Amino acid sequence: MTEIREPLKPLGRNPGGLFVTDLDGTLLRSDRTFAEADLAALRRLGAHGVVRVLATGRSLFSLNRVGTSGLPLDYLVFSTGAGVAEFPSGRIVRARALGPDEVRRTCDALQDLRLDFMVQRPIPDTHEFAFHATGRPNPDFEQRIRLYERFAFPLAGDIAAFGPATQFVAVVPRDEAQAALAQVRRLLPGLTVIRTTSPLDGCSTWIEVFPAGVSKGRTTAWLAESLGIAHHRTASVGNDYNDLDLLEWAAQPFVTANAPADLRERYTAVAAHDHGGVAEAAERWLKKLSSG
């Protein structure tokens, strides 16, 4: 693993807590816009001295496509925790990557399992990736290559020439997800392997491989500790399986109503992403903080 770390800029205030929200399917609505109620709630959190964090699987390049520049936030945890940036300056304060030996080991494992996958450049160039295709039909995999056709290229020759990588993404049909996930975890002990639902077709499963210790939850925990924020003053809201460790870490976890049923059963449910779920979570948490 390789790592770059910079000192955090002083906040200029005593943090009143930390509130972290996922993006796709949580803060970002189905029409790719943000609800004014959610934005107003984030501003109220800021007025109470709460540090506001957006934790997403997206790269910085992909975030810019969404148009996040005006959001009331303090930090971005991006690429599923491989990177952290101050907001709105965009200054990267932490970036982690798989080392060349880990890249080779992961590439060999995914090829042995006959999976379609991408391997992505280190931060900040995570939107650039090489891809390996098995040749079987995989519409979601093919769609991602088309979306990033300016930055995608076939993986050819010795993987050692690629160098370090932020992550691998293997794309599998939903009905093959559980078996493939178990196999990848078995072959890659010591690395972080995360399951998420494809943000492209909402159906396929992405199996993502990161350096050890990289995840939304672990990276947000590092951020909270670095800022001196007590764990009991933390909350998170998410909607999918790649939010699991973030939900497990936060003192007060919430999931939106559009989350899978098993997540809604485990965590406090709020309104769906299209109906102000982040705002509801923020207001309920603030009331709990003020009464506690």
Protein backbone atom coordinates (compact mmCIF):
# COMPACT_ATOMS: atom_id res chain seq x y z
CA MET A 1 0.00 0.00 0.00
CA THR A 2 1.12 3.58 -0.68
CA GLU A 3 -0.18 6.63 1.18
CA ILE A 4 -0.03 10.42 0.94
CA ARG A 5 -1.10 12.48 3.97
CA GLU A 6 -1.25 16.22 4.59
CA PRO A 7 -2.10 18.07 7.83
CA LEU A 8 -5.74 19.11 8.18
CA LYS A 9 -6.51 22.81 8.06
CA PRO A 10 -7.78 24.06 11.45
CA LEU A 11 -11.58 24.45 11.43
CA GLY A 12 -11.54 27.66 13.43
CA ARG A 13 -14.25 26.33 15.73
CA ASN A 14 -14.91 23.59 18.24
CA PRO A 15 -16.68 20.83 16.29
CA GLY A 16 -20.15 20.10 17.67
CA GLY A 17 -20.17 16.68 16.07
CA LEU A 18 -19.79 14.97 12.72
CA PHE A 19 -22.56 14.12 10.26
CA VAL A 20 -21.74 12.06 7.18
CA THR A 21 -24.01 11.30 4.24
CA ASP A 22 -23.66 9.07 1.23
CA LEU A 23 -24.32 10.62 -2.20
CA ASP A 24 -26.01 8.35 -4.77
CA GLY A 25 -29.37 7.14 -3.54
CA THR A 26 -29.06 9.18 -0.33
CA LEU A 27 -28.36 12.89 -0.86
CA LEU A 28 -28.62 12.80 -4.65
CA ARG A 29 -32.18 12.32 -5.90
CA SER A 30 -33.34 10.16 -8.81
CA ASP A 31 -33.42 13.20 -11.11
CA ARG A 32 -29.75 13.94 -10.22
CA THR A 33 -30.61 17.06 -8.20
CA PHE A 34 -30.47 17.94 -4.51
CA ALA A 35 -33.56 18.62 -2.39
CA GLU A 36 -33.66 22.08 -0.86
CA ALA A 37 -34.79 20.51 2.43
CA ASP A 38 -31.61 18.41 2.54
CA LEU A 39 -29.39 21.40 1.73
CA ALA A 40 -31.12 23.51 4.36
CA ALA A 41 -30.57 20.76 6.93
CA LEU A 42 -26.85 20.63 6.09
CA ARG A 43 -26.65 24.40 6.56
CA ARG A 44 -28.36 24.08 9.96
CA LEU A 45 -25.84 21.44 10.96
CA GLY A 46 -23.06 23.87 10.05
CA ALA A 47 -24.70 26.58 12.14
CA HIS A 48 -24.54 24.17 15.11
CA GLY A 49 -20.82 23.64 14.56
CA VAL A 50 -21.24 20.15 13.11
CA VAL A 51 -18.64 18.95 10.59
CA ARG A 52 -20.47 17.87 7.42
CA VAL A 53 -18.96 15.08 5.35
CA LEU A 54 -19.96 13.58 2.02
CA ALA A 55 -18.78 9.95 1.73
CA THR A 56 -19.06 8.50 -1.76
CA GLY A 57 -17.73 5.79 -4.00
CA ARG A 58 -17.30 8.36 -6.76
CA SER A 59 -13.95 9.77 -7.83
CA LEU A 60 -13.27 13.51 -7.75
CA PHE A 61 -13.79 13.59 -11.51
CA SER A 62 -17.19 11.90 -11.19
CA LEU A 63 -18.18 14.25 -8.35
CA ASN A 64 -17.48 17.22 -10.60
CA ARG A 65 -19.87 15.76 -13.15
CA VAL A 66 -22.65 15.80 -10.55
CA GLY A 67 -22.05 19.43 -9.68
CA THR A 68 -21.25 19.41 -5.96
CA SER A 69 -19.41 22.73 -5.85
CA GLY A 70 -22.11 24.64 -3.96
CA LEU A 71 -23.00 22.02 -1.39
CA PRO A 72 -22.77 23.03 2.30
CA LEU A 73 -20.01 20.58 3.25
CA ASP A 74 -16.66 20.58 5.04
CA TYR A 75 -15.00 17.38 3.75
CA LEU A 76 -15.25 14.84 0.95
CA VAL A 77 -14.46 11.18 1.60
CA PHE A 78 -14.28 9.90 -1.97
CA SER A 79 -13.41 6.73 -3.87
CA THR A 80 -15.00 4.76 -1.00
CA GLY A 81 -12.50 6.17 1.49
CA ALA A 82 -9.31 5.95 -0.55
CA GLY A 83 -9.18 9.75 -0.56
CA VAL A 84 -10.13 12.69 1.66
CA ALA A 85 -10.35 16.31 0.52
CA GLU A 86 -11.20 19.55 2.25
CA PHE A 87 -14.25 21.31 0.88
CA PRO A 88 -14.74 23.57 -0.98
CA SER A 89 -11.00 24.04 -1.62
CA GLY A 90 -10.56 20.47 -2.91
CA ARG A 91 -7.18 20.13 -1.19
CA ILE A 92 -6.43 16.42 -0.87
CA VAL A 93 -5.33 15.58 2.66
CA ARG A 94 -5.20 11.80 2.36
CA ALA A 95 -4.79 9.40 -0.56
CA ARG A 96 -4.16 5.64 -0.41
CA ALA A 97 -3.39 3.17 -3.18
CA LEU A 98 -2.66 -0.49 -3.80
CA GLY A 99 1.06 -1.08 -4.28
CA PRO A 100 2.38 -2.85 -7.39
CA ASP A 101 2.54 -6.27 -5.66
CA GLU A 102 -1.07 -5.89 -4.46
CA VAL A 103 -2.11 -4.84 -7.97
CA ARG A 104 -0.55 -7.95 -9.46
CA ARG A 105 -2.10 -10.24 -6.84
CA THR A 106 -5.56 -8.73 -7.35
CA CYS A 107 -5.31 -8.87 -11.12
CA ASP A 108 -4.31 -12.54 -11.02
CA ALA A 109 -7.18 -13.40 -8.66
CA LEU A 110 -9.87 -11.66 -10.74
CA GLN A 111 -8.57 -13.23 -13.94
CA ASP A 112 -8.53 -16.67 -12.30
CA LEU A 113 -12.20 -16.13 -11.38
CA ARG A 114 -12.99 -15.07 -14.96
CA LEU A 115 -14.47 -11.72 -13.92
CA ASP A 116 -14.79 -8.55 -15.98
CA PHE A 117 -12.93 -5.80 -14.14
CA MET A 118 -11.33 -2.35 -14.23
CA VAL A 119 -8.17 -1.19 -12.45
CA GLN A 120 -8.06 2.54 -11.70
CA ARG A 121 -5.16 4.99 -11.58
CA PRO A 122 -4.07 6.54 -8.26
CA ILE A 123 -5.80 9.66 -6.91
CA PRO A 124 -6.48 12.21 -8.38
CA ASP A 125 -6.62 10.35 -11.72
CA THR A 126 -8.97 7.60 -10.56
CA HIS A 127 -11.29 8.17 -13.55
CA GLU A 128 -8.57 6.71 -15.79
CA PHE A 129 -8.63 2.92 -15.89
CA ALA A 130 -7.55 -0.21 -17.72
CA PHE A 131 -10.14 -2.93 -18.25
CA HIS A 132 -10.11 -6.69 -18.69
CA ALA A 133 -13.09 -8.29 -20.44
CA THR A 134 -13.87 -12.00 -20.50
CA GLY A 135 -15.95 -11.64 -23.65
CA ARG A 136 -19.26 -12.73 -22.19
CA PRO A 137 -22.19 -10.27 -22.31
CA ASN A 138 -21.98 -7.74 -19.46
CA PRO A 139 -24.07 -4.63 -20.31
CA ASP A 140 -23.25 -2.70 -17.11
CA PHE A 141 -19.50 -3.27 -17.55
CA GLU A 142 -19.74 -2.18 -21.19
CA GLN A 143 -21.77 0.91 -20.26
CA ARG A 144 -19.12 2.07 -17.81
CA ILE A 145 -16.44 1.75 -20.48
CA ARG A 146 -18.57 3.82 -22.88
CA LEU A 147 -19.15 6.51 -20.25
CA TYR A 148 -15.41 6.88 -19.71
CA GLU A 149 -14.24 6.02 -23.22
CA ARG A 150 -11.80 8.96 -23.23
CA PHE A 151 -10.07 7.53 -20.16
CA ALA A 152 -10.48 3.75 -20.58
CA PHE A 153 -8.03 1.41 -22.28
CA PRO A 154 -7.65 -2.38 -22.52
CA LEU A 155 -5.37 -4.03 -20.02
CA ALA A 156 -2.58 -5.45 -22.12
CA GLY A 157 0.84 -6.87 -21.36
CA ASP A 158 2.37 -7.12 -17.91
CA ILE A 159 0.22 -5.60 -15.13
CA ALA A 160 3.46 -4.47 -13.45
CA ALA A 161 3.64 -1.68 -16.01
CA PHE A 162 0.42 -0.21 -14.60
CA GLY A 163 2.03 0.69 -11.27
CA PRO A 164 -0.02 1.49 -8.15
CA ALA A 165 -3.83 1.69 -8.31
CA THR A 166 -6.61 3.23 -6.26
CA GLN A 167 -8.92 0.24 -6.69
CA PHE A 168 -10.26 -2.61 -8.79
CA VAL A 169 -13.92 -2.85 -9.81
CA ALA A 170 -15.33 -6.21 -10.94
CA VAL A 171 -18.84 -6.12 -12.44
CA VAL A 172 -21.03 -9.20 -11.96
CA PRO A 173 -24.73 -10.01 -12.43
CA ARG A 174 -26.79 -9.79 -9.25
CA ASP A 175 -27.47 -13.54 -9.11
CA GLU A 176 -23.73 -14.25 -9.10
CA ALA A 177 -22.80 -11.59 -6.56
CA GLN A 178 -22.72 -13.59 -3.32
CA ALA A 179 -20.61 -16.41 -4.72
CA ALA A 180 -18.22 -14.05 -6.49
CA LEU A 181 -17.85 -11.85 -3.40
CA ALA A 182 -16.95 -14.84 -1.24
CA GLN A 183 -14.39 -16.06 -3.78
CA VAL A 184 -12.72 -12.66 -4.12
CA ARG A 185 -12.47 -12.30 -0.33
CA ARG A 186 -11.02 -15.79 -0.04
CA LEU A 187 -8.33 -15.09 -2.66
CA LEU A 188 -7.45 -11.61 -1.37
CA PRO A 189 -7.08 -11.79 2.41
CA GLY A 190 -5.72 -8.62 3.91
CA LEU A 191 -7.30 -6.33 1.29
CA THR A 192 -10.64 -4.54 1.64
CA VAL A 193 -13.34 -6.07 -0.58
CA ILE A 194 -16.64 -4.18 -0.73
CA ARG A 195 -19.94 -4.94 -2.45
CA THR A 196 -22.11 -2.19 -3.91
CA THR A 197 -25.06 -1.96 -6.28
CA SER A 198 -24.16 -0.48 -9.65
CA PRO A 199 -25.11 3.22 -9.85
CA LEU A 200 -25.51 2.76 -13.61
CA ASP A 201 -28.18 0.06 -13.98
CA GLY A 202 -29.21 -0.20 -10.31
CA CYS A 203 -29.09 -3.97 -10.63
CA SER A 204 -25.61 -5.36 -11.27
CA THR A 205 -23.15 -5.78 -8.42
CA TRP A 206 -19.76 -4.10 -8.28
CA ILE A 207 -17.10 -5.88 -6.23
CA GLU A 208 -14.49 -3.29 -5.31
CA VAL A 209 -10.99 -4.06 -4.00
CA PHE A 210 -9.02 -1.48 -2.00
CA PRO A 211 -5.94 -1.40 0.23
CA ALA A 212 -6.36 -2.72 3.76
CA GLY A 213 -8.15 -0.24 5.99
CA VAL A 214 -9.85 1.65 3.17
CA SER A 215 -13.61 2.07 3.49
CA LYS A 216 -16.07 4.87 4.10
CA GLY A 217 -16.37 4.00 7.77
CA ARG A 218 -12.68 3.57 8.57
CA THR A 219 -11.68 6.72 6.72
CA THR A 220 -14.44 8.76 8.37
CA ALA A 221 -13.33 7.38 11.74
CA TRP A 222 -9.80 8.62 10.97
CA LEU A 223 -11.19 12.04 10.04
CA ALA A 224 -13.27 12.31 13.21
CA GLU A 225 -10.32 11.31 15.38
CA SER A 226 -8.04 13.78 13.58
CA LEU A 227 -10.55 16.57 14.25
CA GLY A 228 -10.98 15.60 17.90
CA ILE A 229 -14.65 14.68 17.57
CA ALA A 230 -16.00 12.25 20.16
CA HIS A 231 -17.57 9.13 18.69
CA HIS A 232 -20.85 9.59 20.56
CA ARG A 233 -21.38 12.82 18.57
CA THR A 234 -21.35 11.15 15.14
CA ALA A 235 -24.15 10.20 12.73
CA SER A 236 -24.31 8.71 9.26
CA VAL A 237 -26.95 8.14 6.60
CA GLY A 238 -26.66 5.73 3.66
CA ASN A 239 -28.64 3.47 1.37
CA ASP A 240 -26.54 0.54 0.15
CA TYR A 241 -24.13 -2.22 1.10
CA ASN A 242 -21.02 -0.10 0.53
CA ASP A 243 -22.29 2.06 3.42
CA LEU A 244 -22.35 -0.87 5.85
CA ASP A 245 -19.17 -0.18 7.78
CA LEU A 246 -20.02 3.54 7.86
CA LEU A 247 -23.38 2.68 9.41
CA GLU A 248 -21.71 0.28 11.83
CA TRP A 249 -19.18 2.91 12.88
CA ALA A 250 -21.46 5.90 13.52
CA ALA A 251 -23.04 6.35 16.93
CA GLN A 252 -26.36 7.13 15.20
CA PRO A 253 -26.85 5.40 11.84
CA PHE A 254 -29.76 6.03 9.47
CA VAL A 255 -30.77 4.47 6.16
CA THR A 256 -33.13 5.91 3.58
CA ALA A 257 -36.40 4.16 2.71
CA ASN A 258 -34.99 3.17 -0.69
CA ALA A 259 -32.31 1.01 0.97
CA PRO A 260 -32.53 -2.81 0.72
CA ALA A 261 -34.95 -4.37 3.19
CA ASP A 262 -32.24 -6.04 5.28
CA LEU A 263 -30.55 -2.68 5.89
CA ARG A 264 -33.87 -1.04 6.84
CA GLU A 265 -34.39 -3.80 9.39
CA ARG A 266 -30.97 -3.23 10.98
CA TYR A 267 -30.85 0.58 11.12
CA THR A 268 -33.16 3.51 11.78
CA ALA A 269 -35.07 4.24 8.57
CA VAL A 270 -35.87 7.74 7.33
CA ALA A 271 -37.59 9.03 4.18
CA ALA A 272 -36.35 7.99 0.74
CA HIS A 273 -33.68 9.98 -1.08
CA ASP A 274 -36.37 11.61 -3.24
CA HIS A 275 -38.28 12.81 -0.17
CA GLY A 276 -35.76 14.50 2.13
CA GLY A 277 -34.30 11.52 3.96
CA VAL A 278 -31.05 13.35 4.78
CA ALA A 279 -33.01 16.27 6.22
CA GLU A 280 -35.07 13.93 8.40
CA ALA A 281 -31.95 12.16 9.66
CA ALA A 282 -30.21 15.46 10.43
CA GLU A 283 -33.18 16.89 12.33
CA ARG A 284 -33.73 13.72 14.35
CA TRP A 285 -30.05 13.56 15.25
CA LEU A 286 -29.85 17.23 16.23
CA LYS A 287 -32.83 16.78 18.57
CA LYS A 288 -31.13 13.78 20.14
CA LEU A 289 -27.88 15.72 20.61
CA SER A 290 -29.64 18.71 22.18
CA SER A 291 -31.61 16.51 24.56
CA GLY A 292 -28.61 14.38 25.53
